[in-house]
Each structure stands twice: as C-alpha cells, then as structure tokens.
Amino acid sequence: MRRPCRRCRTAEGTLSKPDYETHFLAGVRHFNGREFWEAHEAWETIWLVAESDVEQFLQGLIQLAAAYHHVKRGTFRGAVRLFDAALQRLSAFPPVWSGLDRTGAEEAARRHREWVAARIAGGKGAAERLSESEFPALILLGREASPLPPHEQW
C-alpha cells in the first residue's frame, strides 16, 4: 500500500498535491538525460498522491526508469522484472498520453528486455552493456496534442 508523500503535507497536516507539471517534466528530462534514478524520484513525488488512472501511468513510467537504472548498473535480473511490469502497466494507456509519445521508448524497452534476458540466460551477466546512444528517450508533445496532466483530477 502506498503512503502519501510526507513532503506533500501542509503545516496543518492536510494533503497538498505537488505541482504535477513540474515533477512530471523533471522526470522526463532526467529520463532523457539517462538519469534514471532521478527520473524515478521525480515521478514518485506525484505518484504518491495521484488518485486516478494517472497513478497507474506514473507507476509504469517509474518502473521503466527503474528497469533502465538496473540496465545501466549491470544488475540485469531486476531489469527483466521491471521491464515486464512497466510494459504491462503502460499498455493500458494510448502510446500518446499525458503530453508524451512513448512509442519509441516502449519499442526499445521490449528489445532491451529481450537483450537483458539473453545475457542472463547466456551467463554473460553485466559483461556487456548498452551504449549511451542505445537508451531510449520519451518525446514531449505540445499541449494541444496531449494535455498535461491528462485530466484535471489526478
């Protein structure tokens, strides 16, 4: 069970949601900069207080960032499980949603999941790594193409 973010409480103890756009865009910038742990952290700030389908969407992005964090560190076993969870969770949403086009990133995640699984099966472990240019990017869209957040209540 998720606990509300401690940083999201006012002095009176009531829940105050952080600015979605600020944290969401920070997560995208970190992800595209291959700073996957930082992307995870930025998205987690808003995921902890999300109350709609946005919660599932953010969790999928968090899992995708965590999978790539494992790939970058060479801890491949964790990556396979996280790729599977992320792709499953994100499949419930159109590829263009909440200001993002995830098409290329999800295609890359499927390829990289298989690449990682093959390394594990072949006993190669972390001996091989992805090059920096192989990590995917999320494509930010204009607000008219896909509003951010996707709806007023998130």
C-alpha atoms as a PDB file:
ATOM      1  CA  MET A   1       0.000   0.000   0.000  1.00  0.00           C
ATOM      2  CA  ARG A   2       1.286   3.451  -0.907  1.00  0.00           C
ATOM      3  CA  ARG A   3       1.645   6.019   1.818  1.00  0.00           C
ATOM      4  CA  PRO A   4       1.078   9.679   0.974  1.00  0.00           C
ATOM      5  CA  CYS A   5       4.223  11.658   0.481  1.00  0.00           C
ATOM      6  CA  ARG A   6       5.442  13.281   3.719  1.00  0.00           C
ATOM      7  CA  ARG A   7       6.637  16.253   1.675  1.00  0.00           C
ATOM      8  CA  CYS A   8       3.055  16.689   0.446  1.00  0.00           C
ATOM      9  CA  ARG A   9       1.562  17.694   3.805  1.00  0.00           C
ATOM     10  CA  THR A  10       0.809  21.259   4.771  1.00  0.00           C
ATOM     11  CA  ALA A  11       1.724  22.669   8.189  1.00  0.00           C
ATOM     12  CA  GLU A  12      -1.821  21.757   9.288  1.00  0.00           C
ATOM     13  CA  GLY A  13      -1.269  18.140   8.232  1.00  0.00           C
ATOM     14  CA  THR A  14      -3.647  18.187   5.257  1.00  0.00           C
ATOM     15  CA  LEU A  15      -2.634  16.666   1.962  1.00  0.00           C
ATOM     16  CA  SER A  16      -1.389  19.160  -0.626  1.00  0.00           C
ATOM     17  CA  LYS A  17      -0.515  17.817  -4.044  1.00  0.00           C
ATOM     18  CA  PRO A  18       2.775  18.897  -5.571  1.00  0.00           C
ATOM     19  CA  ASP A  19       2.737  20.566  -8.969  1.00  0.00           C
ATOM     20  CA  TYR A  20       2.185  17.781 -11.493  1.00  0.00           C
ATOM     21  CA  GLU A  21       3.798  19.537 -14.420  1.00  0.00           C
ATOM     22  CA  THR A  22       6.984  20.469 -12.549  1.00  0.00           C
ATOM     23  CA  HIS A  23       7.683  16.941 -11.346  1.00  0.00           C
ATOM     24  CA  PHE A  24       6.442  15.208 -14.469  1.00  0.00           C
ATOM     25  CA  LEU A  25       8.646  17.290 -16.767  1.00  0.00           C
ATOM     26  CA  ALA A  26      11.618  16.912 -14.425  1.00  0.00           C
ATOM     27  CA  GLY A  27      11.167  13.148 -14.678  1.00  0.00           C
ATOM     28  CA  VAL A  28      11.111  13.323 -18.476  1.00  0.00           C
ATOM     29  CA  ARG A  29      14.268  15.483 -18.532  1.00  0.00           C
ATOM     30  CA  HIS A  30      16.052  13.063 -16.215  1.00  0.00           C
ATOM     31  CA  PHE A  31      14.904  10.019 -18.199  1.00  0.00           C
ATOM     32  CA  ASN A  32      16.038  11.560 -21.477  1.00  0.00           C
ATOM     33  CA  GLY A  33      19.337  12.506 -19.834  1.00  0.00           C
ATOM     34  CA  ARG A  34      19.796   8.844 -18.809  1.00  0.00           C
ATOM     35  CA  GLU A  35      19.478   9.828 -15.142  1.00  0.00           C
ATOM     36  CA  PHE A  36      17.035   7.043 -14.462  1.00  0.00           C
ATOM     37  CA  TRP A  37      17.105   7.066 -10.662  1.00  0.00           C
ATOM     38  CA  GLU A  38      16.398  10.810 -10.668  1.00  0.00           C
ATOM     39  CA  ALA A  39      13.512  10.290 -13.132  1.00  0.00           C
ATOM     40  CA  HIS A  40      12.105   7.644 -10.812  1.00  0.00           C
ATOM     41  CA  GLU A  41      12.321  10.045  -7.859  1.00  0.00           C
ATOM     42  CA  ALA A  42      10.689  12.961  -9.710  1.00  0.00           C
ATOM     43  CA  TRP A  43       7.754  10.828 -10.860  1.00  0.00           C
ATOM     44  CA  GLU A  44       7.400   9.148  -7.488  1.00  0.00           C
ATOM     45  CA  THR A  45       6.716  12.528  -5.877  1.00  0.00           C
ATOM     46  CA  ILE A  46       3.475  12.865  -7.858  1.00  0.00           C
ATOM     47  CA  TRP A  47       2.697   9.132  -7.977  1.00  0.00           C
ATOM     48  CA  LEU A  48       2.457   9.020  -4.191  1.00  0.00           C
ATOM     49  CA  VAL A  49      -0.520  11.404  -4.224  1.00  0.00           C
ATOM     50  CA  ALA A  50      -2.140  10.519  -7.571  1.00  0.00           C
ATOM     51  CA  GLU A  51      -5.725   9.327  -7.202  1.00  0.00           C
ATOM     52  CA  SER A  52      -6.882   8.424 -10.699  1.00  0.00           C
ATOM     53  CA  ASP A  53      -5.637   6.316 -13.593  1.00  0.00           C
ATOM     54  CA  VAL A  54      -2.667   8.695 -13.606  1.00  0.00           C
ATOM     55  CA  GLU A  55      -1.331   6.688 -10.649  1.00  0.00           C
ATOM     56  CA  GLN A  56      -1.030   3.566 -12.837  1.00  0.00           C
ATOM     57  CA  PHE A  57       0.526   5.543 -15.683  1.00  0.00           C
ATOM     58  CA  LEU A  58       3.126   7.104 -13.389  1.00  0.00           C
ATOM     59  CA  GLN A  59       3.898   3.737 -11.827  1.00  0.00           C
ATOM     60  CA  GLY A  60       4.588   2.359 -15.306  1.00  0.00           C
ATOM     61  CA  LEU A  61       6.999   5.218 -16.035  1.00  0.00           C
ATOM     62  CA  ILE A  62       8.678   4.718 -12.655  1.00  0.00           C
ATOM     63  CA  GLN A  63       9.122   1.005 -13.382  1.00  0.00           C
ATOM     64  CA  LEU A  64      10.526   1.790 -16.837  1.00  0.00           C
ATOM     65  CA  ALA A  65      13.048   4.207 -15.333  1.00  0.00           C
ATOM     66  CA  ALA A  66      13.944   1.653 -12.655  1.00  0.00           C
ATOM     67  CA  ALA A  67      14.467  -1.037 -15.312  1.00  0.00           C
ATOM     68  CA  TYR A  68      16.889   1.194 -17.189  1.00  0.00           C
ATOM     69  CA  HIS A  69      18.599   2.119 -13.926  1.00  0.00           C
ATOM     70  CA  HIS A  70      19.271  -1.613 -13.419  1.00  0.00           C
ATOM     71  CA  VAL A  71      20.489  -2.000 -17.010  1.00  0.00           C
ATOM     72  CA  LYS A  72      22.844   0.941 -16.630  1.00  0.00           C
ATOM     73  CA  ARG A  73      24.223  -0.503 -13.364  1.00  0.00           C
ATOM     74  CA  GLY A  74      24.515  -4.018 -14.799  1.00  0.00           C
ATOM     75  CA  THR A  75      22.025  -5.566 -12.346  1.00  0.00           C
ATOM     76  CA  PHE A  76      20.147  -7.329 -15.095  1.00  0.00           C
ATOM     77  CA  ARG A  77      17.900  -9.673 -13.104  1.00  0.00           C
ATOM     78  CA  GLY A  78      15.977  -6.762 -11.624  1.00  0.00           C
ATOM     79  CA  ALA A  79      15.663  -5.171 -15.053  1.00  0.00           C
ATOM     80  CA  VAL A  80      13.714  -8.034 -16.661  1.00  0.00           C
ATOM     81  CA  ARG A  81      11.011  -7.995 -13.989  1.00  0.00           C
ATOM     82  CA  LEU A  82      10.734  -4.212 -14.115  1.00  0.00           C
ATOM     83  CA  PHE A  83      10.559  -4.097 -17.925  1.00  0.00           C
ATOM     84  CA  ASP A  84       7.732  -6.641 -17.793  1.00  0.00           C
ATOM     85  CA  ALA A  85       5.837  -4.711 -15.114  1.00  0.00           C
ATOM     86  CA  ALA A  86       6.319  -1.341 -16.842  1.00  0.00           C
ATOM     87  CA  LEU A  87       5.209  -2.562 -20.263  1.00  0.00           C
ATOM     88  CA  GLN A  88       2.184  -4.330 -18.787  1.00  0.00           C
ATOM     89  CA  ARG A  89       1.114  -1.249 -16.821  1.00  0.00           C
ATOM     90  CA  LEU A  90       1.699   1.204 -19.681  1.00  0.00           C
ATOM     91  CA  SER A  91      -0.203  -0.989 -22.155  1.00  0.00           C
ATOM     92  CA  ALA A  92      -3.442   0.242 -20.564  1.00  0.00           C
ATOM     93  CA  PHE A  93      -2.772   3.733 -21.950  1.00  0.00           C
ATOM     94  CA  PRO A  94      -2.579   5.047 -25.503  1.00  0.00           C
ATOM     95  CA  PRO A  95       1.024   5.485 -26.699  1.00  0.00           C
ATOM     96  CA  VAL A  96       0.413   9.241 -26.759  1.00  0.00           C
ATOM     97  CA  TRP A  97      -0.869  10.276 -23.342  1.00  0.00           C
ATOM     98  CA  SER A  98      -0.164  12.940 -20.728  1.00  0.00           C
ATOM     99  CA  GLY A  99       1.998  15.005 -23.029  1.00  0.00           C
ATOM    100  CA  LEU A 100       4.238  12.110 -24.080  1.00  0.00           C
ATOM    101  CA  ASP A 101       4.737   9.887 -27.067  1.00  0.00           C
ATOM    102  CA  ARG A 102       6.139   6.683 -25.556  1.00  0.00           C
ATOM    103  CA  THR A 103       6.092   4.645 -28.780  1.00  0.00           C
ATOM    104  CA  GLY A 104       9.854   4.562 -29.361  1.00  0.00           C
ATOM    105  CA  ALA A 105      10.691   4.140 -25.681  1.00  0.00           C
ATOM    106  CA  GLU A 106       8.356   1.171 -25.337  1.00  0.00           C
ATOM    107  CA  GLU A 107       9.694  -0.452 -28.519  1.00  0.00           C
ATOM    108  CA  ALA A 108      13.225  -0.032 -27.166  1.00  0.00           C
ATOM    109  CA  ALA A 109      12.144  -1.425 -23.777  1.00  0.00           C
ATOM    110  CA  ARG A 110      10.822  -4.596 -25.443  1.00  0.00           C
ATOM    111  CA  ARG A 111      14.101  -5.055 -27.343  1.00  0.00           C
ATOM    112  CA  HIS A 112      16.195  -4.296 -24.263  1.00  0.00           C
ATOM    113  CA  ARG A 113      14.158  -6.666 -22.116  1.00  0.00           C
ATOM    114  CA  GLU A 114      14.976  -9.480 -24.567  1.00  0.00           C
ATOM    115  CA  TRP A 115      18.619  -8.372 -24.765  1.00  0.00           C
ATOM    116  CA  VAL A 116      18.926  -8.452 -20.971  1.00  0.00           C
ATOM    117  CA  ALA A 117      17.142 -11.822 -20.703  1.00  0.00           C
ATOM    118  CA  ALA A 118      19.541 -13.284 -23.307  1.00  0.00           C
ATOM    119  CA  ARG A 119      22.546 -12.014 -21.328  1.00  0.00           C
ATOM    120  CA  ILE A 120      21.215 -13.650 -18.173  1.00  0.00           C
ATOM    121  CA  ALA A 121      20.406 -16.936 -19.969  1.00  0.00           C
ATOM    122  CA  GLY A 122      23.826 -16.986 -21.607  1.00  0.00           C
ATOM    123  CA  GLY A 123      25.574 -16.386 -18.301  1.00  0.00           C
ATOM    124  CA  LYS A 124      27.100 -13.165 -19.601  1.00  0.00           C
ATOM    125  CA  GLY A 125      25.646 -11.053 -16.830  1.00  0.00           C
ATOM    126  CA  ALA A 126      26.817  -7.463 -16.844  1.00  0.00           C
ATOM    127  CA  ALA A 127      29.879  -8.119 -19.017  1.00  0.00           C
ATOM    128  CA  GLU A 128      28.097  -6.369 -21.867  1.00  0.00           C
ATOM    129  CA  ARG A 129      26.429  -3.002 -21.503  1.00  0.00           C
ATOM    130  CA  LEU A 130      24.214  -0.822 -23.657  1.00  0.00           C
ATOM    131  CA  SER A 131      25.988   2.132 -25.187  1.00  0.00           C
ATOM    132  CA  GLU A 132      24.761   5.557 -24.111  1.00  0.00           C
ATOM    133  CA  SER A 133      23.149   6.095 -27.524  1.00  0.00           C
ATOM    134  CA  GLU A 134      21.020   2.945 -27.164  1.00  0.00           C
ATOM    135  CA  PHE A 135      18.983   4.205 -24.209  1.00  0.00           C
ATOM    136  CA  PRO A 136      15.571   5.499 -25.351  1.00  0.00           C
ATOM    137  CA  ALA A 137      14.025   8.922 -24.957  1.00  0.00           C
ATOM    138  CA  LEU A 138      10.471   9.993 -24.270  1.00  0.00           C
ATOM    139  CA  ILE A 139       9.056  12.511 -26.729  1.00  0.00           C
ATOM    140  CA  LEU A 140       7.339  15.546 -25.229  1.00  0.00           C
ATOM    141  CA  LEU A 141       4.395  16.823 -27.223  1.00  0.00           C
ATOM    142  CA  GLY A 142       2.658  20.162 -27.361  1.00  0.00           C
ATOM    143  CA  ARG A 143      -0.262  20.728 -25.015  1.00  0.00           C
ATOM    144  CA  GLU A 144      -2.729  20.735 -27.892  1.00  0.00           C
ATOM    145  CA  ALA A 145      -1.697  17.191 -28.851  1.00  0.00           C
ATOM    146  CA  SER A 146      -1.963  15.765 -25.340  1.00  0.00           C
ATOM    147  CA  PRO A 147      -2.797  17.778 -22.201  1.00  0.00           C
ATOM    148  CA  LEU A 148      -0.610  17.579 -19.130  1.00  0.00           C
ATOM    149  CA  PRO A 149      -1.886  16.331 -16.732  1.00  0.00           C
ATOM    150  CA  PRO A 150      -4.283  14.298 -18.838  1.00  0.00           C
ATOM    151  CA  HIS A 151      -7.285  15.471 -16.803  1.00  0.00           C
ATOM    152  CA  GLU A 152      -7.982  17.921 -14.011  1.00  0.00           C
ATOM    153  CA  GLN A 153      -8.356  15.323 -11.267  1.00  0.00           C
ATOM    154  CA  TRP A 154      -5.183  13.306 -10.988  1.00  0.00           C
END
